[in-house]
Amino acid sequence: DEDRQFTLDLLLPRIQRKDHRVRLAVTQALGRVASRGDEVVLPILFARTQDGCSDVRRAAVQALQAVVAVPSTLVLQTVIGLLSDSDEHVVRAAARAVGKIAGKD
C-alpha cells in the first residue's frame, strides 16, 4: 500500500537517531503502521529490543506483539530473553508478550 510505504520511508531513517525519544516514537509508530508478519519491520523491532533505552526496549516488545503473525523460536527467544532485563517495565511487557505471542497461530 502506497500510504504505508510512504510512512515507513519517513520513519525508518530515524530509528538510529541518538535521541532516545525519537527512537521511542519511531518504534511505537512502527507497531501501529506495520502489517502482521511485516518482513521489513520485524528485524528492526528485534534490533530495538537491544536498545540502550529501556523505554525503547519496552516499546519494541509491545510492537512485536502487534506485528508477529506466527510465533517462531526466534521471536519467543528474543522476548523470553527480556524477562531478565534490568528494567521492571521491560520485564512486565515481555511477560505479557510471551503469552500473547505464544498463543498466536
Protein backbone atom coordinates (compact mmCIF):
# COMPACT_ATOMS: atom_id res chain seq x y z
CA ASP A 1 0.00 0.00 0.00
CA GLU A 2 1.35 3.38 -1.03
CA ASP A 3 0.48 5.25 2.20
CA ARG A 4 2.10 2.57 4.35
CA GLN A 5 5.27 2.68 2.27
CA PHE A 6 5.37 6.47 2.46
CA THR A 7 5.07 6.28 6.26
CA LEU A 8 7.80 3.64 6.51
CA ASP A 9 10.06 5.73 4.27
CA LEU A 10 9.66 8.61 6.73
CA LEU A 11 10.13 6.52 9.87
CA LEU A 12 12.91 4.06 9.10
CA PRO A 13 15.78 6.54 8.63
CA ARG A 14 15.03 7.93 12.09
CA ILE A 15 15.24 4.65 14.02
CA GLN A 16 19.00 5.05 14.59
CA ARG A 17 18.86 8.60 15.98
CA LYS A 18 20.85 9.31 19.14
CA ASP A 19 17.84 10.86 20.87
CA HIS A 20 16.02 8.02 22.61
CA ARG A 21 12.74 9.95 22.37
CA VAL A 22 12.93 9.81 18.58
CA ARG A 23 13.75 6.08 18.62
CA LEU A 24 10.86 5.53 21.03
CA ALA A 25 8.38 7.43 18.86
CA VAL A 26 9.51 5.61 15.72
CA THR A 27 9.31 2.20 17.43
CA GLN A 28 5.79 2.92 18.68
CA ALA A 29 4.73 4.15 15.26
CA LEU A 30 6.13 1.05 13.57
CA GLY A 31 3.99 -1.10 15.84
CA ARG A 32 0.93 0.79 14.64
CA VAL A 33 1.61 1.02 10.90
CA ALA A 34 3.27 -2.33 10.19
CA SER A 35 1.13 -5.17 8.96
CA ARG A 36 1.22 -8.60 10.59
CA GLY A 37 4.31 -10.51 9.56
CA ASP A 38 5.91 -7.41 8.03
CA GLU A 39 9.31 -8.63 6.83
CA VAL A 40 10.72 -5.10 6.72
CA VAL A 41 9.67 -4.03 10.21
CA LEU A 42 10.25 -7.26 12.18
CA PRO A 43 14.08 -7.15 12.04
CA ILE A 44 14.02 -3.51 13.05
CA LEU A 45 11.86 -4.28 16.07
CA PHE A 46 14.15 -7.18 17.01
CA ALA A 47 17.10 -4.78 16.96
CA ARG A 48 15.26 -2.28 19.16
CA THR A 49 14.78 -4.96 21.85
CA GLN A 50 18.51 -4.43 22.49
CA ASP A 51 18.32 -0.63 22.58
CA GLY A 52 20.20 1.17 25.35
CA CYS A 53 16.97 2.86 26.48
CA SER A 54 14.53 0.72 28.43
CA ASP A 55 11.52 2.67 27.11
CA VAL A 56 12.54 1.79 23.55
CA ARG A 57 13.03 -1.89 24.50
CA ARG A 58 9.57 -1.97 26.08
CA ALA A 59 8.02 -0.31 23.02
CA ALA A 60 9.76 -2.84 20.76
CA VAL A 61 8.28 -5.74 22.74
CA GLN A 62 4.83 -4.20 22.55
CA ALA A 63 5.21 -3.57 18.83
CA LEU A 64 6.39 -7.15 18.25
CA GLN A 65 3.15 -8.38 19.81
CA ALA A 66 1.22 -6.46 17.17
CA VAL A 67 3.40 -7.33 14.19
CA VAL A 68 4.23 -11.01 14.73
CA ALA A 69 1.83 -13.11 12.69
CA VAL A 70 3.02 -16.58 13.66
CA PRO A 71 5.11 -17.42 16.72
CA SER A 72 8.63 -18.54 15.95
CA THR A 73 11.52 -19.74 18.04
CA LEU A 74 13.42 -16.53 17.28
CA VAL A 75 10.56 -14.30 18.38
CA LEU A 76 9.93 -16.24 21.57
CA GLN A 77 13.64 -16.48 22.44
CA THR A 78 14.03 -12.75 21.93
CA VAL A 79 11.08 -11.89 24.15
CA ILE A 80 11.92 -14.54 26.77
CA GLY A 81 15.44 -13.10 26.94
CA LEU A 82 13.91 -9.80 28.01
CA LEU A 83 12.40 -11.46 31.09
CA SER A 84 15.82 -10.90 32.68
CA ASP A 85 16.07 -7.24 31.60
CA SER A 86 17.31 -4.77 34.21
CA ASP A 87 14.15 -2.65 33.87
CA GLU A 88 10.99 -3.97 35.53
CA HIS A 89 8.72 -2.34 32.92
CA VAL A 90 10.52 -4.21 30.13
CA VAL A 91 10.20 -7.45 32.12
CA ARG A 92 6.45 -6.92 32.57
CA ALA A 93 5.97 -6.11 28.89
CA ALA A 94 7.96 -9.22 27.94
CA ALA A 95 5.91 -11.41 30.28
CA ARG A 96 2.66 -10.19 28.70
CA ALA A 97 4.10 -10.57 25.21
CA VAL A 98 5.23 -14.18 25.71
CA GLY A 99 1.66 -15.26 26.44
CA LYS A 100 0.17 -13.30 23.56
CA ILE A 101 2.80 -14.30 21.01
CA ALA A 102 2.81 -17.98 22.02
CA GLY A 103 -0.98 -18.07 21.68
CA LYS A 104 -0.98 -16.95 18.03
CA ASP A 105 -1.45 -19.50 15.30
